[in-house]
Structures are given as C-alpha cells and as structure tokens.
Protein backbone atom coordinates (compact mmCIF):
# COMPACT_ATOMS: atom_id res chain seq x y z
CA UNK A 1 -10.08 -155.40 88.49
CA UNK A 2 -12.86 -157.22 90.34
CA UNK A 3 -12.37 -160.27 88.10
CA UNK A 4 -8.64 -160.25 88.89
CA UNK A 5 -9.35 -160.28 92.64
CA UNK A 6 -11.83 -163.14 92.28
CA UNK A 7 -9.35 -165.12 90.17
CA UNK A 8 -6.60 -164.50 92.73
CA UNK A 9 -8.73 -165.72 95.64
CA UNK A 10 -9.88 -168.83 93.76
CA UNK A 11 -6.32 -169.62 92.67
CA UNK A 12 -5.04 -169.21 96.24
CA UNK A 13 -7.70 -171.57 97.57
CA UNK A 14 -6.91 -174.18 94.91
CA UNK A 15 -3.16 -173.93 95.44
CA UNK A 16 -3.40 -174.21 99.22
CA UNK A 17 -5.94 -177.02 99.20
CA UNK A 18 -9.09 -175.88 100.96
CA UNK A 19 -10.59 -179.38 101.42
CA UNK A 20 -9.84 -180.58 104.95
CA UNK A 21 -10.93 -184.21 104.44
CA UNK A 22 -8.47 -184.79 101.59
CA UNK A 23 -5.46 -183.19 103.26
CA UNK A 24 -2.16 -185.03 103.22
CA UNK A 25 -0.91 -183.74 106.59
CA UNK A 26 -1.02 -187.30 107.98
CA UNK A 27 1.34 -188.54 105.25
CA UNK A 28 4.82 -187.40 106.19
CA UNK A 29 7.17 -186.01 103.60
CA UNK A 30 10.47 -187.84 103.30
CA UNK A 31 13.21 -186.95 105.76
CA UNK A 32 16.95 -186.90 105.21
CA UNK A 33 16.18 -185.28 101.85
CA UNK A 34 19.20 -184.13 99.84
CA UNK A 35 17.93 -181.36 97.56
CA UNK A 36 20.99 -181.25 95.25
CA UNK A 37 20.72 -185.02 94.70
CA UNK A 38 17.08 -184.58 93.59
CA UNK A 39 18.12 -182.18 90.81
CA UNK A 40 18.02 -183.32 87.20
CA UNK A 41 15.44 -184.82 84.91
CA UNK A 42 12.45 -186.84 86.09
CA UNK A 43 9.87 -188.54 83.86
CA UNK A 44 6.22 -188.52 84.78
CA UNK A 45 5.07 -192.14 84.84
CA UNK A 46 1.57 -191.61 86.24
CA UNK A 47 -0.54 -188.70 87.47
CA UNK A 48 -3.98 -187.67 88.52
CA UNK A 49 -5.83 -185.73 85.81
CA UNK A 50 -5.74 -181.92 85.91
CA UNK A 51 -6.56 -179.20 83.44
CA UNK A 52 -2.95 -178.01 83.31
CA UNK A 53 -1.72 -181.39 82.01
CA UNK A 54 -4.75 -182.38 79.93
CA UNK A 55 -3.77 -184.54 76.98
CA UNK A 56 -0.04 -184.30 77.62
CA UNK A 57 2.29 -187.21 76.88
CA UNK A 58 6.07 -187.49 77.17
CA UNK A 59 5.97 -185.33 80.31
CA UNK A 60 9.17 -184.55 82.17
CA UNK A 61 10.31 -182.18 84.88
CA UNK A 62 13.85 -180.87 85.15
CA UNK A 63 15.03 -179.35 88.42
CA UNK A 64 18.10 -177.09 88.66
CA UNK A 65 19.58 -175.34 91.69
CA UNK A 66 19.80 -171.58 91.30
CA UNK A 67 22.55 -169.45 92.89
CA UNK A 68 20.08 -168.08 95.47
CA UNK A 69 19.21 -171.59 96.71
CA UNK A 70 15.87 -171.74 94.92
CA UNK A 71 15.10 -174.43 92.36
CA UNK A 72 14.24 -173.75 88.74
CA UNK A 73 11.50 -176.10 87.53
CA UNK A 74 11.02 -176.75 83.82
CA UNK A 75 8.05 -178.95 82.92
CA UNK A 76 7.68 -180.21 79.36
CA UNK A 77 5.08 -182.29 77.61
CA UNK A 78 3.73 -183.03 74.17
CA UNK A 79 0.19 -181.97 73.25
CA UNK A 80 -2.03 -184.28 71.16
CA UNK A 81 -1.25 -182.18 68.06
CA UNK A 82 2.47 -182.86 68.55
CA UNK A 83 3.38 -179.40 69.83
CA UNK A 84 5.65 -178.92 72.80
CA UNK A 85 4.21 -177.35 75.95
CA UNK A 86 6.82 -175.92 78.29
CA UNK A 87 6.33 -174.04 81.53
CA UNK A 88 8.94 -172.72 83.92
CA UNK A 89 8.52 -172.23 87.62
CA UNK A 90 10.45 -171.87 90.82
CA UNK A 91 10.49 -173.93 94.00
CA UNK A 92 11.75 -173.19 97.48
CA UNK A 93 12.57 -175.67 100.22
CA UNK A 94 10.41 -175.54 103.34
CA UNK A 95 11.67 -176.03 106.87
CA UNK A 96 12.82 -178.12 108.51
CA UNK A 97 16.00 -178.72 106.54
CA UNK A 98 16.18 -182.22 105.11
CA UNK A 99 12.43 -182.46 104.60
CA UNK A 100 10.96 -183.33 101.22
CA UNK A 101 8.64 -180.34 101.48
CA UNK A 102 8.84 -177.60 98.89
CA UNK A 103 6.63 -174.81 97.65
CA UNK A 104 6.42 -174.43 93.89
CA UNK A 105 5.05 -171.63 91.76
CA UNK A 106 4.30 -171.42 88.07
CA UNK A 107 2.03 -168.41 88.55
CA UNK A 108 3.69 -166.07 91.01
CA UNK A 109 2.84 -164.95 93.57
CA UNK A 110 0.91 -168.18 94.18
CA UNK A 111 2.78 -171.17 95.60
CA UNK A 112 1.49 -174.69 96.08
CA UNK A 113 2.77 -177.53 98.21
CA UNK A 114 5.13 -180.03 96.55
CA UNK A 115 5.44 -182.93 98.97
CA UNK A 116 7.79 -185.82 98.23
CA UNK A 117 6.17 -188.58 100.26
CA UNK A 118 8.25 -191.46 98.93
CA UNK A 119 11.77 -191.41 97.51
CA UNK A 120 13.82 -194.47 96.74
CA UNK A 121 17.26 -194.63 98.40
CA UNK A 122 18.85 -194.32 94.94
CA UNK A 123 16.84 -191.14 94.16
CA UNK A 124 15.46 -192.78 91.02
CA UNK A 125 11.79 -193.18 91.93
CA UNK A 126 9.52 -190.69 93.73
CA UNK A 127 5.91 -190.25 94.76
CA UNK A 128 4.82 -186.62 94.97
CA UNK A 129 1.59 -185.06 96.19
CA UNK A 130 0.44 -181.67 97.37
CA UNK A 131 -1.44 -180.50 100.43
CA UNK A 132 -4.45 -182.58 99.32
CA UNK A 133 -4.99 -186.03 97.85
CA UNK A 134 -6.31 -184.37 94.70
CA UNK A 135 -2.75 -184.28 93.37
CA UNK A 136 -0.49 -187.25 92.79
CA UNK A 137 2.51 -187.93 90.57
CA UNK A 138 4.79 -190.93 90.14
CA UNK A 139 8.20 -189.84 88.90
CA UNK A 140 11.14 -191.87 87.67
CA UNK A 141 14.61 -191.13 86.33
CA UNK A 142 13.80 -193.58 83.52
CA UNK A 143 10.97 -193.31 81.00
CA UNK A 144 9.46 -196.61 82.08
CA UNK A 145 9.14 -198.63 85.26
CA UNK A 146 8.97 -202.39 85.65
CA UNK A 147 6.03 -204.43 86.95
CA UNK A 148 7.52 -204.69 90.45
CA UNK A 149 7.89 -200.90 90.71
CA UNK A 150 4.35 -200.39 89.40
CA UNK A 151 2.96 -202.85 92.00
CA UNK A 152 4.92 -201.08 94.74
CA UNK A 153 3.52 -197.73 93.66
CA UNK A 154 -0.09 -198.95 93.47
CA UNK A 155 0.15 -200.63 96.88
CA UNK A 156 1.81 -197.58 98.44
CA UNK A 157 -0.84 -195.13 97.26
CA UNK A 158 -3.72 -197.40 98.32
CA UNK A 159 -2.17 -197.86 101.79
CA UNK A 160 -2.00 -194.08 102.12
CA UNK A 161 -5.60 -193.40 101.09
CA UNK A 162 -5.16 -192.49 97.44
CA UNK A 163 -7.34 -194.04 94.75
CA UNK A 164 -5.74 -195.71 91.74
CA UNK A 165 -8.89 -195.25 89.64
CA UNK A 166 -8.18 -191.75 88.30
CA UNK A 167 -4.53 -192.46 87.45
CA UNK A 168 -3.33 -191.57 83.99
CA UNK A 169 -0.37 -193.66 82.88
CA UNK A 170 1.70 -191.24 80.84
CA UNK A 171 2.90 -192.25 77.38
CA UNK A 172 6.70 -192.06 77.39
CA UNK A 173 7.61 -194.57 74.69
CA UNK A 174 8.77 -193.62 71.24
CA UNK A 175 10.99 -190.78 70.30
CA UNK A 176 9.75 -187.25 70.71
CA UNK A 177 11.72 -184.90 68.53
CA UNK A 178 10.34 -181.86 70.32
CA UNK A 179 11.42 -182.90 73.80
C-alpha cells in the first residue's frame, strides 16, 4: 500500500509538471480552437524522448468525440520487434471554451496537460506540449512533412524556448501491416 501511495504522488508530480523554470505558462495555447475539427488521425512527426514512447516508430494518435463531450484518444506505435503498442486514454477540454487546452489521461485518475500551442489554419499541422517544456510533439495529418514545414517547426520551437537537440524524428515511411 505504501508503494502505491509513493507511486501515485510521483506520478501526480510528473503529470502536473513540478519544475517551475520549464513551465509553458508563457506560451499561450491556440484560441478559436474547434475541438470537433481536431478529431481524426494525426501522425507523430517528431517528439522529445520519453520512456512511454521509447523505440516506437509509425506513431499515430486518433481522437474521437464521445457522447459525453470527452475525447477518446488512441495512440499506436510499432515497437522495434515489429509488435503493435496501443494505449487508450481520455481527454477533456479545459476552459475557456475555444482554447487549445485539454487534460489527457492514460492512467486514471491522473491527468496531464495537453496544450496545442500552434495549429495551422487548415488543422493539418500542430505543435503540442504539456505544462512543461519537457514534452513536445509535432503532429501532422500526413505521414511526412516538407522541408518548409520542418524549418517552420524548428524555428517556432527555438523562438519559444524549446531545444531542437533532443528531438526524435519519427519513422513513418514504409507500410506497417500492424497499424
């Protein structure tokens, strides 16, 4: 029981981002956000490294609106041995309405910040972070981005205090029979 309490406290601290110097509060989430338009499949183009995505390629996230207004999140990726890793979660929109701020949970009751800090007008390219600069994802509706989009992304993250050094460019090419 004691181990469970310790795990819960550590998980809560990690999910809420206890480092004040790396907080993303000064980077506003997008406004005028249309949650239903964001639904569908997104491919992970680049990410910061984390234990929960270690070694994954062909990563995608599919978002679906649920009848209660929450969002079902299904993340998929391929492990180095070719096996599919799939995890389901739930997200809820945060006030104010129209903000690109959500809370997402894969391990209830713990929720972490999901902050869409850039979203193209066409809803085909997004930059997502959390409550700290320890988390960063570049998402696209297509499996690959062009050089101009990559330059935009790299410039945007540098201008907002993120480092490009730890980025992992996710393998999306080739067919993946398991995804």
